C-alpha atoms as a PDB file:
ATOM      1  CA  MET A   1      67.188 105.337-165.348  1.00  0.00           C
ATOM      2  CA  ASN A   2      65.958 108.869-164.581  1.00  0.00           C
ATOM      3  CA  ILE A   3      66.710 111.736-167.004  1.00  0.00           C
ATOM      4  CA  MET A   4      65.595 115.373-166.983  1.00  0.00           C
ATOM      5  CA  ILE A   5      63.973 116.595-170.202  1.00  0.00           C
ATOM      6  CA  ARG A   6      62.255 119.734-171.460  1.00  0.00           C
ATOM      7  CA  LEU A   7      59.388 119.651-173.959  1.00  0.00           C
ATOM      8  CA  ASP A   8      58.701 123.341-174.550  1.00  0.00           C
ATOM      9  CA  SER A   9      56.920 123.205-177.914  1.00  0.00           C
ATOM     10  CA  VAL A  10      54.264 121.171-179.682  1.00  0.00           C
ATOM     11  CA  LYS A  11      56.902 120.038-182.177  1.00  0.00           C
ATOM     12  CA  LYS A  12      59.138 118.663-179.403  1.00  0.00           C
ATOM     13  CA  VAL A  13      56.213 116.837-177.779  1.00  0.00           C
ATOM     14  CA  LYS A  14      55.269 115.187-181.083  1.00  0.00           C
ATOM     15  CA  GLU A  15      58.897 114.266-181.768  1.00  0.00           C
ATOM     16  CA  PHE A  16      59.314 112.855-178.261  1.00  0.00           C
ATOM     17  CA  VAL A  17      56.173 110.701-178.464  1.00  0.00           C
ATOM     18  CA  ASN A  18      57.052 109.430-181.956  1.00  0.00           C
ATOM     19  CA  ILE A  19      60.522 108.357-180.802  1.00  0.00           C
ATOM     20  CA  ALA A  20      59.305 106.919-177.472  1.00  0.00           C
ATOM     21  CA  SER A  21      56.595 104.895-179.225  1.00  0.00           C
ATOM     22  CA  ARG A  22      59.208 102.925-181.156  1.00  0.00           C
ATOM     23  CA  TYR A  23      60.615 101.429-177.942  1.00  0.00           C
ATOM     24  CA  ALA A  24      59.160  98.349-176.286  1.00  0.00           C
ATOM     25  CA  GLY A  25      60.098  99.301-172.722  1.00  0.00           C
ATOM     26  CA  LYS A  26      58.047 101.435-170.370  1.00  0.00           C
ATOM     27  CA  ILE A  27      58.747 105.184-170.463  1.00  0.00           C
ATOM     28  CA  GLN A  28      57.186 107.459-167.864  1.00  0.00           C
ATOM     29  CA  VAL A  29      57.301 111.242-167.717  1.00  0.00           C
ATOM     30  CA  SER A  30      56.674 113.129-164.480  1.00  0.00           C
ATOM     31  CA  SER A  31      56.032 116.706-163.490  1.00  0.00           C
ATOM     32  CA  GLY A  32      55.633 117.269-159.764  1.00  0.00           C
ATOM     33  CA  ARG A  33      53.253 114.620-158.462  1.00  0.00           C
ATOM     34  CA  TYR A  34      51.842 113.694-161.881  1.00  0.00           C
ATOM     35  CA  THR A  35      53.232 110.793-163.914  1.00  0.00           C
ATOM     36  CA  VAL A  36      52.085 109.840-167.419  1.00  0.00           C
ATOM     37  CA  ASP A  37      52.948 107.308-170.102  1.00  0.00           C
ATOM     38  CA  GLY A  38      55.733 108.795-172.234  1.00  0.00           C
ATOM     39  CA  LYS A  39      54.127 107.287-175.323  1.00  0.00           C
ATOM     40  CA  SER A  40      50.854 109.178-174.812  1.00  0.00           C
ATOM     41  CA  ILE A  41      50.649 112.553-176.520  1.00  0.00           C
ATOM     42  CA  MET A  42      47.563 113.486-174.485  1.00  0.00           C
ATOM     43  CA  GLY A  43      49.331 112.479-171.288  1.00  0.00           C
ATOM     44  CA  ILE A  44      52.364 114.606-172.114  1.00  0.00           C
ATOM     45  CA  PHE A  45      50.160 117.608-172.921  1.00  0.00           C
ATOM     46  CA  SER A  46      48.523 117.280-169.491  1.00  0.00           C
ATOM     47  CA  LEU A  47      51.869 118.047-167.809  1.00  0.00           C
ATOM     48  CA  GLU A  48      53.388 121.467-167.162  1.00  0.00           C
ATOM     49  CA  LEU A  49      55.261 121.921-170.426  1.00  0.00           C
ATOM     50  CA  GLY A  50      58.114 124.400-170.530  1.00  0.00           C
ATOM     51  CA  SER A  51      59.447 123.271-167.173  1.00  0.00           C
ATOM     52  CA  ASP A  52      61.878 120.422-166.589  1.00  0.00           C
ATOM     53  CA  LEU A  53      60.252 116.990-166.633  1.00  0.00           C
ATOM     54  CA  SER A  54      61.591 113.722-165.296  1.00  0.00           C
ATOM     55  CA  MET A  55      61.729 110.793-167.729  1.00  0.00           C
ATOM     56  CA  GLU A  56      62.036 107.278-166.311  1.00  0.00           C
ATOM     57  CA  ILE A  57      63.169 104.535-168.716  1.00  0.00           C
ATOM     58  CA  GLU A  58      62.478 100.937-167.721  1.00  0.00           C
ATOM     59  CA  ASP A  59      64.452  99.000-170.358  1.00  0.00           C
ATOM     60  CA  ARG A  60      68.178  99.561-169.757  1.00  0.00           C
ATOM     61  CA  GLU A  61      69.157  97.717-172.936  1.00  0.00           C
ATOM     62  CA  GLU A  62      67.375 100.231-175.139  1.00  0.00           C
ATOM     63  CA  SER A  63      68.031 103.277-172.962  1.00  0.00           C
ATOM     64  CA  SER A  64      71.318 104.374-174.578  1.00  0.00           C
ATOM     65  CA  ARG A  65      69.788 104.334-178.078  1.00  0.00           C
ATOM     66  CA  LEU A  66      66.685 106.159-176.847  1.00  0.00           C
ATOM     67  CA  ILE A  67      68.804 108.805-175.114  1.00  0.00           C
ATOM     68  CA  ARG A  68      70.775 109.434-178.315  1.00  0.00           C
ATOM     69  CA  GLU A  69      67.555 109.907-180.284  1.00  0.00           C
ATOM     70  CA  LEU A  70      66.073 112.243-177.654  1.00  0.00           C
ATOM     71  CA  GLN A  71      69.218 114.360-177.218  1.00  0.00           C
ATOM     72  CA  ARG A  72      67.386 117.568-178.290  1.00  0.00           C
ATOM     73  CA  CYS A  73      64.992 117.196-175.355  1.00  0.00           C
ATOM     74  CA  ILE A  74      67.504 116.368-172.613  1.00  0.00           C
ATOM     75  CA  VAL A  75      68.343 119.126-170.156  1.00  0.00           C
ATOM     76  CA  ALA A  76      72.106 119.403-169.674  1.00  0.00           C
END
């Protein structure tokens, strides 16, 4: 499942990583040609923050709960 997100502050990045880390499935975040582990705060900070990022969720069973928790970060 591919979802567009925006992490435009340090607070949002920390919140995102804390929530993502609670899920067993693989979460990847991409910006352009770069893809990082969504559970890695250093990886997230290496991306172009402030622009839209693509989040790929591997575990479909947990995806709806994860999406609800990350609602603040999702780009409408």
